[in-house]
Amino acid sequence: MKTLREVLKDAEDRRIAVGHFNVSDLVLLRGVFSSARELNVPVLVGVSEGEREFMGVRQIVALVKSLREEHDYPIFLNADHTHSLAKADEAARAGFDAVVFDASSLPFDENVSQTRRTVIALKAINPSVIVEGEIGDIGSGSEIHEKVPERSKTLSTPEEARQFIAATGVDVLAPAVGNMHGLLESMVHGGVKKRLDIGRIDEIKKATGIFMTLHGASGTDDEDLKKAIQVGMTIVHINTELRVAWRHGMETAFAKDPQEIVPYKILPAALEAVKKIVRERLQLFNSTESPERGQQSARA
């Protein structure tokens, strides 16, 4: 089985993207894994600090590891949006494959300093761990927002991206390129779509030559996602769409049988709703490869 770094390099070469989906319970994890296996593509599972606190740091590692080993399948675990060295250290020692160290809310120089310190510390624990850094501001919270965060309108520049990479030594960069965490109410049913600055993504990729992640991709225009992947996005994060699907699935189950109290009879509706979104997103993220390349196995 390929390592995560090898999976990312393969995706970069083929101009496809590895789907990254946040989970906070077993329903979401099963939905992500089941859809990835159906399509035979690698997948990244993400857990933020809040999600890790709810599920348990060592417990989510054990769950993902059990799926990987039982099915000999490339499912990887990412400590998403980690804001302190202590939390990043905890994730690396527990066995996470990747850590997103997010100090993007700090002044640029302080972001560089803290990220560099974290990269050194995590590589000392596990040289193969993938460490991601973030520049720019795309808001916070994978939830429904009333309005677009003002600072999310400011894009990262190729020059600051180049400086950040050179100074920190991160493996992956998450820039602000028109993306935003969460959804507006108008985006929930697809009436309005997020739009990306494809030219800026292309410029940053050429300036850095590094793997890049698109955070806050829920609700983004499909064609923009395809173009973003073509010009340099190697990982694409989806969270809010899964939370909305989970909620709607639960509502459907309770509406169908208001008196039901057995969890394993209620939860399948949420599972199927989550699987549908994951399947659609993974198909999109893996649809941009050149036709002559053909389909390749997730384990290749």
C-alpha atoms as a PDB file:
ATOM      1  CA  MET A   1       0.000   0.000   0.000  1.00  0.00           C
ATOM      2  CA  LYS A   2       1.221   3.495  -0.806  1.00  0.00           C
ATOM      3  CA  THR A   3       2.086   5.978   1.897  1.00  0.00           C
ATOM      4  CA  LEU A   4       0.111   9.208   2.156  1.00  0.00           C
ATOM      5  CA  ARG A   5       2.974  11.133   0.564  1.00  0.00           C
ATOM      6  CA  GLU A   6       2.989   8.715  -2.362  1.00  0.00           C
ATOM      7  CA  VAL A   7      -0.785   9.008  -2.713  1.00  0.00           C
ATOM      8  CA  LEU A   8      -0.513  12.802  -2.821  1.00  0.00           C
ATOM      9  CA  LYS A   9       2.283  12.666  -5.409  1.00  0.00           C
ATOM     10  CA  ASP A  10       0.228  10.317  -7.561  1.00  0.00           C
ATOM     11  CA  ALA A  11      -2.778  12.645  -7.335  1.00  0.00           C
ATOM     12  CA  GLU A  12      -0.622  15.640  -8.215  1.00  0.00           C
ATOM     13  CA  ASP A  13       0.843  13.864 -11.246  1.00  0.00           C
ATOM     14  CA  ARG A  14      -2.585  12.751 -12.459  1.00  0.00           C
ATOM     15  CA  ARG A  15      -4.211  16.125 -11.690  1.00  0.00           C
ATOM     16  CA  ILE A  16      -6.858  14.639  -9.475  1.00  0.00           C
ATOM     17  CA  ALA A  17      -7.445  15.317  -5.781  1.00  0.00           C
ATOM     18  CA  VAL A  18      -7.607  13.288  -2.603  1.00  0.00           C
ATOM     19  CA  GLY A  19     -10.917  13.860  -0.870  1.00  0.00           C
ATOM     20  CA  HIS A  20     -10.707  14.904   2.783  1.00  0.00           C
ATOM     21  CA  PHE A  21     -13.859  14.498   4.865  1.00  0.00           C
ATOM     22  CA  ASN A  22     -14.297  15.459   8.499  1.00  0.00           C
ATOM     23  CA  VAL A  23     -15.969  13.043  10.874  1.00  0.00           C
ATOM     24  CA  SER A  24     -17.230  13.292  14.430  1.00  0.00           C
ATOM     25  CA  ASP A  25     -18.981   9.945  14.873  1.00  0.00           C
ATOM     26  CA  LEU A  26     -18.973   6.394  13.554  1.00  0.00           C
ATOM     27  CA  VAL A  27     -21.788   7.119  11.080  1.00  0.00           C
ATOM     28  CA  LEU A  28     -19.698   9.740   9.292  1.00  0.00           C
ATOM     29  CA  LEU A  29     -16.576   7.561   9.347  1.00  0.00           C
ATOM     30  CA  ARG A  30     -18.475   4.581   7.913  1.00  0.00           C
ATOM     31  CA  GLY A  31     -20.039   6.802   5.263  1.00  0.00           C
ATOM     32  CA  VAL A  32     -16.686   8.165   4.138  1.00  0.00           C
ATOM     33  CA  PHE A  33     -14.956   4.793   4.113  1.00  0.00           C
ATOM     34  CA  SER A  34     -17.808   2.942   2.378  1.00  0.00           C
ATOM     35  CA  SER A  35     -18.020   5.443  -0.468  1.00  0.00           C
ATOM     36  CA  ALA A  36     -14.254   5.500  -0.967  1.00  0.00           C
ATOM     37  CA  ARG A  37     -14.188   1.701  -1.182  1.00  0.00           C
ATOM     38  CA  GLU A  38     -17.067   1.657  -3.654  1.00  0.00           C
ATOM     39  CA  LEU A  39     -15.099   3.964  -5.941  1.00  0.00           C
ATOM     40  CA  ASN A  40     -11.723   2.373  -5.109  1.00  0.00           C
ATOM     41  CA  VAL A  41      -9.958   5.654  -4.361  1.00  0.00           C
ATOM     42  CA  PRO A  42      -7.756   6.719  -1.429  1.00  0.00           C
ATOM     43  CA  VAL A  43      -9.350   8.973   1.168  1.00  0.00           C
ATOM     44  CA  LEU A  44      -8.375  11.271   4.024  1.00  0.00           C
ATOM     45  CA  VAL A  45     -10.405  11.428   7.228  1.00  0.00           C
ATOM     46  CA  GLY A  46     -10.112  14.681   9.152  1.00  0.00           C
ATOM     47  CA  VAL A  47     -10.834  15.495  12.768  1.00  0.00           C
ATOM     48  CA  SER A  48     -10.527  19.028  14.126  1.00  0.00           C
ATOM     49  CA  GLU A  49      -9.588  19.752  17.737  1.00  0.00           C
ATOM     50  CA  GLY A  50     -13.275  19.787  18.671  1.00  0.00           C
ATOM     51  CA  GLU A  51     -13.994  16.577  16.786  1.00  0.00           C
ATOM     52  CA  ARG A  52     -10.974  14.894  18.401  1.00  0.00           C
ATOM     53  CA  GLU A  53     -12.123  15.963  21.831  1.00  0.00           C
ATOM     54  CA  PHE A  54     -15.525  14.396  21.200  1.00  0.00           C
ATOM     55  CA  MET A  55     -14.331  11.138  19.632  1.00  0.00           C
ATOM     56  CA  GLY A  56     -11.071  10.695  21.531  1.00  0.00           C
ATOM     57  CA  VAL A  57      -7.627  11.160  19.968  1.00  0.00           C
ATOM     58  CA  ARG A  58      -6.427   7.587  20.430  1.00  0.00           C
ATOM     59  CA  GLN A  59      -9.887   6.182  19.712  1.00  0.00           C
ATOM     60  CA  ILE A  60     -10.177   7.727  16.226  1.00  0.00           C
ATOM     61  CA  VAL A  61      -6.631   6.540  15.446  1.00  0.00           C
ATOM     62  CA  ALA A  62      -7.649   3.005  16.442  1.00  0.00           C
ATOM     63  CA  LEU A  63     -10.810   3.134  14.332  1.00  0.00           C
ATOM     64  CA  VAL A  64      -9.050   4.324  11.170  1.00  0.00           C
ATOM     65  CA  LYS A  65      -6.165   1.917  11.704  1.00  0.00           C
ATOM     66  CA  SER A  66      -8.602  -0.990  12.068  1.00  0.00           C
ATOM     67  CA  LEU A  67     -10.264  -0.120   8.753  1.00  0.00           C
ATOM     68  CA  ARG A  68      -6.917   0.264   7.002  1.00  0.00           C
ATOM     69  CA  GLU A  69      -5.570  -3.038   8.284  1.00  0.00           C
ATOM     70  CA  GLU A  70      -8.717  -5.144   7.984  1.00  0.00           C
ATOM     71  CA  HIS A  71      -9.367  -4.084   4.401  1.00  0.00           C
ATOM     72  CA  ASP A  72      -5.774  -3.322   3.331  1.00  0.00           C
ATOM     73  CA  TYR A  73      -7.066   0.037   2.198  1.00  0.00           C
ATOM     74  CA  PRO A  74      -5.478   3.517   1.825  1.00  0.00           C
ATOM     75  CA  ILE A  75      -7.518   5.474   4.355  1.00  0.00           C
ATOM     76  CA  PHE A  76      -5.475   8.116   6.173  1.00  0.00           C
ATOM     77  CA  LEU A  77      -6.060  10.264   9.253  1.00  0.00           C
ATOM     78  CA  ASN A  78      -5.478  14.014   9.509  1.00  0.00           C
ATOM     79  CA  ALA A  79      -5.471  16.208  12.621  1.00  0.00           C
ATOM     80  CA  ASP A  80      -7.350  19.094  11.035  1.00  0.00           C
ATOM     81  CA  HIS A  81      -6.965  22.741  12.155  1.00  0.00           C
ATOM     82  CA  THR A  82      -4.654  22.250  15.102  1.00  0.00           C
ATOM     83  CA  HIS A  83      -3.885  25.529  16.841  1.00  0.00           C
ATOM     84  CA  SER A  84      -1.201  24.655  19.391  1.00  0.00           C
ATOM     85  CA  LEU A  85       2.049  22.726  19.473  1.00  0.00           C
ATOM     86  CA  ALA A  86       0.724  20.666  22.388  1.00  0.00           C
ATOM     87  CA  LYS A  87      -2.301  19.446  20.390  1.00  0.00           C
ATOM     88  CA  ALA A  88      -0.141  18.809  17.312  1.00  0.00           C
ATOM     89  CA  ASP A  89       2.336  16.840  19.418  1.00  0.00           C
ATOM     90  CA  GLU A  90      -0.510  14.785  20.884  1.00  0.00           C
ATOM     91  CA  ALA A  91      -1.818  13.878  17.425  1.00  0.00           C
ATOM     92  CA  ALA A  92       1.603  12.939  16.048  1.00  0.00           C
ATOM     93  CA  ARG A  93       2.389  10.723  19.032  1.00  0.00           C
ATOM     94  CA  ALA A  94      -1.020   9.040  18.763  1.00  0.00           C
ATOM     95  CA  GLY A  95      -0.273   7.986  15.176  1.00  0.00           C
ATOM     96  CA  PHE A  96      -1.976  10.510  12.893  1.00  0.00           C
ATOM     97  CA  ASP A  97      -0.716  10.436   9.303  1.00  0.00           C
ATOM     98  CA  ALA A  98      -0.954  14.203   8.908  1.00  0.00           C
ATOM     99  CA  VAL A  99      -1.363  17.343  10.989  1.00  0.00           C
ATOM    100  CA  VAL A 100      -2.716  20.718   9.888  1.00  0.00           C
ATOM    101  CA  PHE A 101      -1.062  23.366  12.051  1.00  0.00           C
ATOM    102  CA  ASP A 102      -3.219  26.453  11.694  1.00  0.00           C
ATOM    103  CA  ALA A 103      -1.738  29.709  13.010  1.00  0.00           C
ATOM    104  CA  SER A 104      -3.233  31.720  10.145  1.00  0.00           C
ATOM    105  CA  SER A 105      -5.110  34.079  12.493  1.00  0.00           C
ATOM    106  CA  LEU A 106      -1.761  35.404  13.765  1.00  0.00           C
ATOM    107  CA  PRO A 107       0.431  38.027  12.072  1.00  0.00           C
ATOM    108  CA  PHE A 108       2.418  36.493   9.214  1.00  0.00           C
ATOM    109  CA  ASP A 109       5.788  36.467  11.023  1.00  0.00           C
ATOM    110  CA  GLU A 110       4.295  34.805  14.088  1.00  0.00           C
ATOM    111  CA  ASN A 111       2.499  32.273  11.894  1.00  0.00           C
ATOM    112  CA  VAL A 112       5.847  31.434  10.275  1.00  0.00           C
ATOM    113  CA  SER A 113       7.626  31.151  13.633  1.00  0.00           C
ATOM    114  CA  GLN A 114       5.046  28.886  15.261  1.00  0.00           C
ATOM    115  CA  THR A 115       4.605  26.729  12.176  1.00  0.00           C
ATOM    116  CA  ARG A 116       8.350  26.219  11.777  1.00  0.00           C
ATOM    117  CA  ARG A 117       8.672  25.218  15.441  1.00  0.00           C
ATOM    118  CA  THR A 118       5.822  22.736  15.018  1.00  0.00           C
ATOM    119  CA  VAL A 119       7.282  21.201  11.848  1.00  0.00           C
ATOM    120  CA  ILE A 120      10.595  20.561  13.615  1.00  0.00           C
ATOM    121  CA  ALA A 121       8.870  19.036  16.653  1.00  0.00           C
ATOM    122  CA  LEU A 122       6.548  16.744  14.679  1.00  0.00           C
ATOM    123  CA  LYS A 123       9.261  15.508  12.321  1.00  0.00           C
ATOM    124  CA  ALA A 124      11.322  14.567  15.373  1.00  0.00           C
ATOM    125  CA  ILE A 125       8.421  12.395  16.547  1.00  0.00           C
ATOM    126  CA  ASN A 126       7.685  10.879  13.138  1.00  0.00           C
ATOM    127  CA  PRO A 127       9.758  11.913  10.085  1.00  0.00           C
ATOM    128  CA  SER A 128       7.054  10.634   7.717  1.00  0.00           C
ATOM    129  CA  VAL A 129       4.173  12.662   9.180  1.00  0.00           C
ATOM    130  CA  ILE A 130       2.740  15.167   6.695  1.00  0.00           C
ATOM    131  CA  VAL A 131       2.618  18.675   8.141  1.00  0.00           C
ATOM    132  CA  GLU A 132       0.409  21.359   6.607  1.00  0.00           C
ATOM    133  CA  GLY A 133       0.532  25.085   7.228  1.00  0.00           C
ATOM    134  CA  GLU A 134      -2.055  27.745   6.425  1.00  0.00           C
ATOM    135  CA  ILE A 135      -1.836  31.350   5.242  1.00  0.00           C
ATOM    136  CA  GLY A 136      -4.623  33.851   4.753  1.00  0.00           C
ATOM    137  CA  ASP A 137      -8.014  33.883   6.430  1.00  0.00           C
ATOM    138  CA  ILE A 138     -10.999  31.845   5.262  1.00  0.00           C
ATOM    139  CA  GLY A 139     -13.143  32.249   8.340  1.00  0.00           C
ATOM    140  CA  SER A 140     -13.807  29.544  10.897  1.00  0.00           C
ATOM    141  CA  GLY A 141     -16.475  27.003  11.744  1.00  0.00           C
ATOM    142  CA  SER A 142     -17.949  24.395   9.399  1.00  0.00           C
ATOM    143  CA  GLU A 143     -21.487  25.576  10.012  1.00  0.00           C
ATOM    144  CA  ILE A 144     -24.192  27.791   8.516  1.00  0.00           C
ATOM    145  CA  HIS A 145     -23.191  31.488   8.513  1.00  0.00           C
ATOM    146  CA  GLU A 146     -25.352  34.584   8.103  1.00  0.00           C
ATOM    147  CA  LYS A 147     -22.757  36.411   6.000  1.00  0.00           C
ATOM    148  CA  VAL A 148     -19.343  35.969   4.404  1.00  0.00           C
ATOM    149  CA  PRO A 149     -16.518  36.729   6.872  1.00  0.00           C
ATOM    150  CA  GLU A 150     -14.953  40.024   5.790  1.00  0.00           C
ATOM    151  CA  ARG A 151     -11.350  38.828   5.933  1.00  0.00           C
ATOM    152  CA  SER A 152     -12.096  35.782   3.776  1.00  0.00           C
ATOM    153  CA  LYS A 153     -12.271  38.141   0.792  1.00  0.00           C
ATOM    154  CA  THR A 154      -8.484  38.710   0.999  1.00  0.00           C
ATOM    155  CA  LEU A 155      -6.448  36.289  -1.100  1.00  0.00           C
ATOM    156  CA  SER A 156      -3.039  34.819  -0.315  1.00  0.00           C
ATOM    157  CA  THR A 157      -0.258  35.988  -2.629  1.00  0.00           C
ATOM    158  CA  PRO A 158       2.383  33.919  -4.439  1.00  0.00           C
ATOM    159  CA  GLU A 159       5.164  35.843  -2.715  1.00  0.00           C
ATOM    160  CA  GLU A 160       3.907  35.253   0.833  1.00  0.00           C
ATOM    161  CA  ALA A 161       3.311  31.612  -0.079  1.00  0.00           C
ATOM    162  CA  ARG A 162       6.899  31.305  -1.317  1.00  0.00           C
ATOM    163  CA  GLN A 163       8.253  32.955   1.833  1.00  0.00           C
ATOM    164  CA  PHE A 164       6.104  30.782   4.092  1.00  0.00           C
ATOM    165  CA  ILE A 165       7.213  27.539   2.453  1.00  0.00           C
ATOM    166  CA  ALA A 166      10.892  28.466   2.509  1.00  0.00           C
ATOM    167  CA  ALA A 167      10.803  29.520   6.159  1.00  0.00           C
ATOM    168  CA  THR A 168       8.661  26.729   7.630  1.00  0.00           C
ATOM    169  CA  GLY A 169       9.449  23.564   5.697  1.00  0.00           C
ATOM    170  CA  VAL A 170       5.810  22.412   5.605  1.00  0.00           C
ATOM    171  CA  ASP A 171       4.839  19.576   3.280  1.00  0.00           C
ATOM    172  CA  VAL A 172       1.473  21.059   2.290  1.00  0.00           C
ATOM    173  CA  LEU A 173       0.161  24.615   1.970  1.00  0.00           C
ATOM    174  CA  ALA A 174      -3.419  25.792   2.556  1.00  0.00           C
ATOM    175  CA  PRO A 175      -3.903  29.257   0.983  1.00  0.00           C
ATOM    176  CA  ALA A 176      -6.866  31.612   0.859  1.00  0.00           C
ATOM    177  CA  VAL A 177      -8.064  31.617  -2.763  1.00  0.00           C
ATOM    178  CA  GLY A 178     -11.740  32.539  -2.517  1.00  0.00           C
ATOM    179  CA  ASN A 179     -12.629  29.579  -0.304  1.00  0.00           C
ATOM    180  CA  MET A 180     -14.498  29.876   2.996  1.00  0.00           C
ATOM    181  CA  HIS A 181     -15.302  27.566   5.888  1.00  0.00           C
ATOM    182  CA  GLY A 182     -18.956  26.735   6.331  1.00  0.00           C
ATOM    183  CA  LEU A 183     -21.945  27.655   4.183  1.00  0.00           C
ATOM    184  CA  LEU A 184     -24.295  30.583   3.851  1.00  0.00           C
ATOM    185  CA  GLU A 185     -27.997  29.743   4.202  1.00  0.00           C
ATOM    186  CA  SER A 186     -28.379  30.488   0.488  1.00  0.00           C
ATOM    187  CA  MET A 187     -25.775  27.803  -0.284  1.00  0.00           C
ATOM    188  CA  VAL A 188     -27.396  24.962   1.667  1.00  0.00           C
ATOM    189  CA  HIS A 189     -29.759  24.018  -1.170  1.00  0.00           C
ATOM    190  CA  GLY A 190     -27.345  24.964  -3.959  1.00  0.00           C
ATOM    191  CA  GLY A 191     -28.928  28.280  -4.929  1.00  0.00           C
ATOM    192  CA  VAL A 192     -25.633  30.121  -4.487  1.00  0.00           C
ATOM    193  CA  LYS A 193     -22.149  28.670  -4.995  1.00  0.00           C
ATOM    194  CA  LYS A 194     -18.728  29.666  -3.727  1.00  0.00           C
ATOM    195  CA  ARG A 195     -16.348  30.762  -6.483  1.00  0.00           C
ATOM    196  CA  LEU A 196     -12.572  30.344  -6.486  1.00  0.00           C
ATOM    197  CA  ASP A 197      -9.795  32.467  -7.969  1.00  0.00           C
ATOM    198  CA  ILE A 198      -8.319  29.842 -10.297  1.00  0.00           C
ATOM    199  CA  GLY A 199      -5.629  32.202 -11.555  1.00  0.00           C
ATOM    200  CA  ARG A 200      -4.373  32.801  -8.035  1.00  0.00           C
ATOM    201  CA  ILE A 201      -4.262  29.056  -7.312  1.00  0.00           C
ATOM    202  CA  ASP A 202      -2.196  28.573 -10.459  1.00  0.00           C
ATOM    203  CA  GLU A 203       0.186  31.386  -9.482  1.00  0.00           C
ATOM    204  CA  ILE A 204       0.735  30.035  -5.964  1.00  0.00           C
ATOM    205  CA  LYS A 205       1.306  26.497  -7.250  1.00  0.00           C
ATOM    206  CA  LYS A 206       3.912  27.716  -9.732  1.00  0.00           C
ATOM    207  CA  ALA A 207       5.578  29.858  -7.075  1.00  0.00           C
ATOM    208  CA  THR A 208       5.864  27.054  -4.521  1.00  0.00           C
ATOM    209  CA  GLY A 209       5.700  23.700  -6.324  1.00  0.00           C
ATOM    210  CA  ILE A 210       4.245  22.207  -3.164  1.00  0.00           C
ATOM    211  CA  PHE A 211       1.147  20.106  -2.431  1.00  0.00           C
ATOM    212  CA  MET A 212      -1.813  22.390  -1.754  1.00  0.00           C
ATOM    213  CA  THR A 213      -5.068  21.946   0.142  1.00  0.00           C
ATOM    214  CA  LEU A 214      -8.396  23.611  -0.524  1.00  0.00           C
ATOM    215  CA  HIS A 215     -10.123  24.117   2.815  1.00  0.00           C
ATOM    216  CA  GLY A 216     -13.798  25.063   3.048  1.00  0.00           C
ATOM    217  CA  ALA A 217     -14.783  23.480  -0.262  1.00  0.00           C
ATOM    218  CA  SER A 218     -18.383  22.708   0.730  1.00  0.00           C
ATOM    219  CA  GLY A 219     -20.798  24.570  -1.530  1.00  0.00           C
ATOM    220  CA  THR A 220     -18.164  25.396  -4.150  1.00  0.00           C
ATOM    221  CA  ASP A 221     -19.052  25.486  -7.842  1.00  0.00           C
ATOM    222  CA  ASP A 222     -18.215  22.099  -9.400  1.00  0.00           C
ATOM    223  CA  GLU A 223     -16.427  23.551 -12.404  1.00  0.00           C
ATOM    224  CA  ASP A 224     -14.313  25.738 -10.125  1.00  0.00           C
ATOM    225  CA  LEU A 225     -13.344  22.647  -8.147  1.00  0.00           C
ATOM    226  CA  LYS A 226     -12.324  20.817 -11.308  1.00  0.00           C
ATOM    227  CA  LYS A 227     -10.240  23.775 -12.486  1.00  0.00           C
ATOM    228  CA  ALA A 228      -8.664  24.216  -9.042  1.00  0.00           C
ATOM    229  CA  ILE A 229      -7.587  20.576  -9.044  1.00  0.00           C
ATOM    230  CA  GLN A 230      -6.217  20.879 -12.575  1.00  0.00           C
ATOM    231  CA  VAL A 231      -3.973  23.810 -11.658  1.00  0.00           C
ATOM    232  CA  GLY A 232      -2.693  22.597  -8.321  1.00  0.00           C
ATOM    233  CA  MET A 233      -5.065  21.616  -5.502  1.00  0.00           C
ATOM    234  CA  THR A 234      -4.149  18.109  -4.355  1.00  0.00           C
ATOM    235  CA  ILE A 235      -6.400  17.787  -1.276  1.00  0.00           C
ATOM    236  CA  VAL A 236      -9.977  19.073  -1.063  1.00  0.00           C
ATOM    237  CA  HIS A 237     -11.783  19.413   2.281  1.00  0.00           C
ATOM    238  CA  ILE A 238     -15.501  18.778   2.714  1.00  0.00           C
ATOM    239  CA  ASN A 239     -17.159  19.078   6.126  1.00  0.00           C
ATOM    240  CA  THR A 240     -20.281  21.257   6.262  1.00  0.00           C
ATOM    241  CA  GLU A 241     -21.973  19.359   3.434  1.00  0.00           C
ATOM    242  CA  LEU A 242     -21.592  16.134   5.431  1.00  0.00           C
ATOM    243  CA  ARG A 243     -23.000  17.732   8.568  1.00  0.00           C
ATOM    244  CA  VAL A 244     -26.026  18.984   6.646  1.00  0.00           C
ATOM    245  CA  ALA A 245     -26.535  15.534   5.091  1.00  0.00           C
ATOM    246  CA  TRP A 246     -26.221  13.843   8.500  1.00  0.00           C
ATOM    247  CA  ARG A 247     -28.815  16.223   9.959  1.00  0.00           C
ATOM    248  CA  HIS A 248     -31.246  15.757   7.075  1.00  0.00           C
ATOM    249  CA  GLY A 249     -30.836  11.991   7.258  1.00  0.00           C
ATOM    250  CA  MET A 250     -31.704  11.997  10.942  1.00  0.00           C
ATOM    251  CA  GLU A 251     -34.711  14.241  10.341  1.00  0.00           C
ATOM    252  CA  THR A 252     -35.933  11.877   7.627  1.00  0.00           C
ATOM    253  CA  ALA A 253     -35.603   8.888   9.955  1.00  0.00           C
ATOM    254  CA  PHE A 254     -37.544  10.564  12.774  1.00  0.00           C
ATOM    255  CA  ALA A 255     -40.227  11.814  10.390  1.00  0.00           C
ATOM    256  CA  LYS A 256     -40.698   8.285   9.050  1.00  0.00           C
ATOM    257  CA  ASP A 257     -41.001   6.718  12.488  1.00  0.00           C
ATOM    258  CA  PRO A 258     -41.312   9.294  15.328  1.00  0.00           C
ATOM    259  CA  GLN A 259     -41.577   6.570  17.961  1.00  0.00           C
ATOM    260  CA  GLU A 260     -38.409   4.683  17.029  1.00  0.00           C
ATOM    261  CA  ILE A 261     -35.751   4.656  19.767  1.00  0.00           C
ATOM    262  CA  VAL A 262     -33.274   2.024  18.509  1.00  0.00           C
ATOM    263  CA  PRO A 263     -30.106   3.812  17.304  1.00  0.00           C
ATOM    264  CA  TYR A 264     -29.105   1.202  14.733  1.00  0.00           C
ATOM    265  CA  LYS A 265     -32.543   1.513  13.138  1.00  0.00           C
ATOM    266  CA  ILE A 266     -32.432   5.332  13.050  1.00  0.00           C
ATOM    267  CA  LEU A 267     -28.824   5.938  12.019  1.00  0.00           C
ATOM    268  CA  PRO A 268     -28.812   4.158   8.606  1.00  0.00           C
ATOM    269  CA  ALA A 269     -30.768   7.077   7.103  1.00  0.00           C
ATOM    270  CA  ALA A 270     -27.989   9.451   8.141  1.00  0.00           C
ATOM    271  CA  LEU A 271     -25.385   6.985   6.879  1.00  0.00           C
ATOM    272  CA  GLU A 272     -26.950   6.805   3.423  1.00  0.00           C
ATOM    273  CA  ALA A 273     -27.267  10.593   3.210  1.00  0.00           C
ATOM    274  CA  VAL A 274     -23.583  10.994   4.087  1.00  0.00           C
ATOM    275  CA  LYS A 275     -22.496   8.287   1.643  1.00  0.00           C
ATOM    276  CA  LYS A 276     -24.320  10.028  -1.188  1.00  0.00           C
ATOM    277  CA  ILE A 277     -22.438  13.296  -0.655  1.00  0.00           C
ATOM    278  CA  VAL A 278     -19.065  11.591  -0.245  1.00  0.00           C
ATOM    279  CA  ARG A 279     -19.622   9.496  -3.373  1.00  0.00           C
ATOM    280  CA  GLU A 280     -20.542  12.541  -5.458  1.00  0.00           C
ATOM    281  CA  ARG A 281     -17.558  14.536  -4.229  1.00  0.00           C
ATOM    282  CA  LEU A 282     -15.069  11.724  -4.740  1.00  0.00           C
ATOM    283  CA  GLN A 283     -16.343  11.170  -8.256  1.00  0.00           C
ATOM    284  CA  LEU A 284     -15.821  14.854  -8.982  1.00  0.00           C
ATOM    285  CA  PHE A 285     -12.353  14.972  -7.429  1.00  0.00           C
ATOM    286  CA  ASN A 286     -11.262  11.936  -9.436  1.00  0.00           C
ATOM    287  CA  SER A 287     -12.873  12.916 -12.734  1.00  0.00           C
ATOM    288  CA  THR A 288     -10.187  15.247 -14.043  1.00  0.00           C
ATOM    289  CA  GLU A 289      -7.522  12.754 -15.059  1.00  0.00           C
ATOM    290  CA  SER A 290      -6.664  12.440 -18.753  1.00  0.00           C
ATOM    291  CA  PRO A 291      -8.807   9.778 -20.481  1.00  0.00           C
ATOM    292  CA  GLU A 292      -5.729   7.994 -21.884  1.00  0.00           C
ATOM    293  CA  ARG A 293      -4.448   7.311 -18.351  1.00  0.00           C
ATOM    294  CA  GLY A 294      -7.374   5.044 -17.549  1.00  0.00           C
ATOM    295  CA  GLN A 295      -8.553   4.050 -14.110  1.00  0.00           C
ATOM    296  CA  GLN A 296      -5.938   3.055 -11.533  1.00  0.00           C
ATOM    297  CA  SER A 297      -6.471   1.018  -8.400  1.00  0.00           C
ATOM    298  CA  ALA A 298      -6.410   2.765  -5.045  1.00  0.00           C
ATOM    299  CA  ARG A 299      -3.767   0.255  -3.955  1.00  0.00           C
ATOM    300  CA  ALA A 300      -1.609   0.604  -7.075  1.00  0.00           C
END
